[in-house]
């Protein structure tokens, strides 16, 4: 099923402190020589960390992580239960410290966004150099 959707990584994880590391390990297993995979590990880890820290999820809740190759990009998507009602946002580092991770994400990706539906999804697109 994952290959049908072009997924390189498709994970359902407990919403806990181990989730970011699990995503990095899964991406490391499928990484190729494209430098975008290093950035993808950082971006995916940051998006999952934000879900764990800010979504009001509990360890018994699940995060869905999808990393796929699409149209010359790696697309990373993280879905959490959306219990907090908060919205992902980057910050001005001179005004506050919490939220700097999304500022890093913005520097690495060509596009990112968020959407509500069946939970809260944050996604990002990283250009591949070898496609």
Protein backbone atom coordinates (compact mmCIF):
# COMPACT_ATOMS: atom_id res chain seq x y z
CA UNK A 1 0.00 0.00 0.00
CA UNK A 2 2.81 2.47 0.83
CA UNK A 3 4.38 2.00 -2.61
CA UNK A 4 1.02 2.62 -4.27
CA UNK A 5 0.99 6.13 -2.82
CA UNK A 6 4.69 6.66 -3.54
CA UNK A 7 5.54 6.51 0.15
CA UNK A 8 9.12 5.94 1.24
CA UNK A 9 8.14 5.96 4.91
CA UNK A 10 4.70 5.40 6.40
CA UNK A 11 4.57 5.17 10.19
CA UNK A 12 1.97 5.16 12.93
CA UNK A 13 3.68 6.03 16.20
CA UNK A 14 2.74 6.65 19.82
CA UNK A 15 2.75 10.36 20.57
CA UNK A 16 5.73 10.30 22.92
CA UNK A 17 9.34 11.39 23.25
CA UNK A 18 10.56 8.41 21.18
CA UNK A 19 8.61 9.39 18.04
CA UNK A 20 11.16 11.89 16.60
CA UNK A 21 13.97 9.34 16.83
CA UNK A 22 11.83 6.64 15.23
CA UNK A 23 11.13 8.93 12.27
CA UNK A 24 14.84 9.78 11.86
CA UNK A 25 15.75 6.07 11.93
CA UNK A 26 13.09 5.20 9.35
CA UNK A 27 14.30 7.95 7.01
CA UNK A 28 17.92 6.89 7.47
CA UNK A 29 16.98 3.40 6.25
CA UNK A 30 15.57 4.72 2.95
CA UNK A 31 17.96 7.63 2.37
CA UNK A 32 19.86 7.72 -0.88
CA UNK A 33 22.72 9.95 -1.96
CA UNK A 34 20.51 13.02 -2.41
CA UNK A 35 21.45 15.65 0.20
CA UNK A 36 17.75 16.41 0.69
CA UNK A 37 17.45 13.29 2.87
CA UNK A 38 19.60 14.87 5.58
CA UNK A 39 17.35 17.91 5.57
CA UNK A 40 14.31 15.63 5.49
CA UNK A 41 15.45 13.91 8.70
CA UNK A 42 15.70 17.29 10.42
CA UNK A 43 12.37 18.55 9.07
CA UNK A 44 10.48 15.34 9.88
CA UNK A 45 12.00 15.22 13.34
CA UNK A 46 11.02 18.83 14.01
CA UNK A 47 7.44 18.37 12.79
CA UNK A 48 7.02 15.25 14.93
CA UNK A 49 8.61 16.96 17.94
CA UNK A 50 6.15 19.84 17.58
CA UNK A 51 3.24 17.38 17.48
CA UNK A 52 4.49 15.64 20.62
CA UNK A 53 5.13 18.91 22.49
CA UNK A 54 2.26 21.12 21.36
CA UNK A 55 -0.71 19.02 20.20
CA UNK A 56 -1.92 17.96 23.67
CA UNK A 57 -1.66 14.34 22.55
CA UNK A 58 -0.99 11.54 25.00
CA UNK A 59 1.25 8.46 24.53
CA UNK A 60 -1.83 6.36 23.79
CA UNK A 61 -2.66 8.72 20.89
CA UNK A 62 -1.09 8.06 17.52
CA UNK A 63 0.84 10.18 15.05
CA UNK A 64 0.77 9.31 11.37
CA UNK A 65 3.92 10.18 9.45
CA UNK A 66 4.21 9.92 5.69
CA UNK A 67 7.30 10.72 3.60
CA UNK A 68 6.86 10.38 -0.14
CA UNK A 69 8.72 11.25 -3.31
CA UNK A 70 6.47 13.41 -5.50
CA UNK A 71 7.27 15.55 -8.55
CA UNK A 72 10.93 16.18 -7.68
CA UNK A 73 10.25 16.73 -3.97
CA UNK A 74 10.19 14.86 -0.72
CA UNK A 75 6.83 15.51 0.91
CA UNK A 76 6.68 15.06 4.68
CA UNK A 77 3.33 14.93 6.45
CA UNK A 78 2.63 14.58 10.17
CA UNK A 79 -0.94 14.05 11.40
CA UNK A 80 -1.77 14.37 15.10
CA UNK A 81 -5.18 14.11 16.81
CA UNK A 82 -5.56 17.91 16.83
CA UNK A 83 -6.70 18.05 20.45
CA UNK A 84 -5.01 21.33 21.35
CA UNK A 85 -6.60 23.48 18.65
CA UNK A 86 -3.25 25.26 18.27
CA UNK A 87 -1.77 26.22 14.90
CA UNK A 88 1.83 25.68 13.82
CA UNK A 89 3.70 28.95 13.45
CA UNK A 90 7.25 30.14 13.34
CA UNK A 91 8.39 32.98 15.57
CA UNK A 92 10.65 35.96 15.58
CA UNK A 93 13.74 34.71 17.45
CA UNK A 94 14.22 38.13 19.01
CA UNK A 95 10.77 37.95 20.62
CA UNK A 96 10.46 34.35 21.82
CA UNK A 97 12.46 31.13 21.92
CA UNK A 98 9.77 28.45 21.64
CA UNK A 99 8.94 27.95 17.96
CA UNK A 100 12.42 28.27 16.50
CA UNK A 101 12.16 24.78 15.01
CA UNK A 102 9.57 25.90 12.49
CA UNK A 103 11.82 28.79 11.55
CA UNK A 104 14.50 26.21 10.68
CA UNK A 105 11.92 24.18 8.75
CA UNK A 106 10.98 27.27 6.73
CA UNK A 107 14.62 27.76 5.75
CA UNK A 108 14.99 24.19 4.48
CA UNK A 109 11.75 23.59 2.59
CA UNK A 110 10.25 25.07 -0.56
CA UNK A 111 6.77 25.11 0.96
CA UNK A 112 4.99 24.08 4.15
CA UNK A 113 1.50 24.36 5.52
CA UNK A 114 -1.12 22.98 7.81
CA UNK A 115 -4.68 21.77 7.55
CA UNK A 116 -7.45 20.58 9.80
CA UNK A 117 -9.70 17.69 9.05
CA UNK A 118 -9.52 14.33 10.74
CA UNK A 119 -6.91 15.73 13.15
CA UNK A 120 -4.26 18.35 12.45
CA UNK A 121 -1.75 17.86 9.66
CA UNK A 122 1.48 19.78 9.08
CA UNK A 123 3.29 19.12 5.81
CA UNK A 124 6.45 20.27 4.08
CA UNK A 125 7.99 19.92 0.60
CA UNK A 126 11.76 19.67 0.09
CA UNK A 127 13.21 19.84 -3.42
CA UNK A 128 15.29 16.85 -4.48
CA UNK A 129 18.47 17.61 -6.36
CA UNK A 130 18.62 14.29 -8.22
CA UNK A 131 15.09 14.10 -9.69
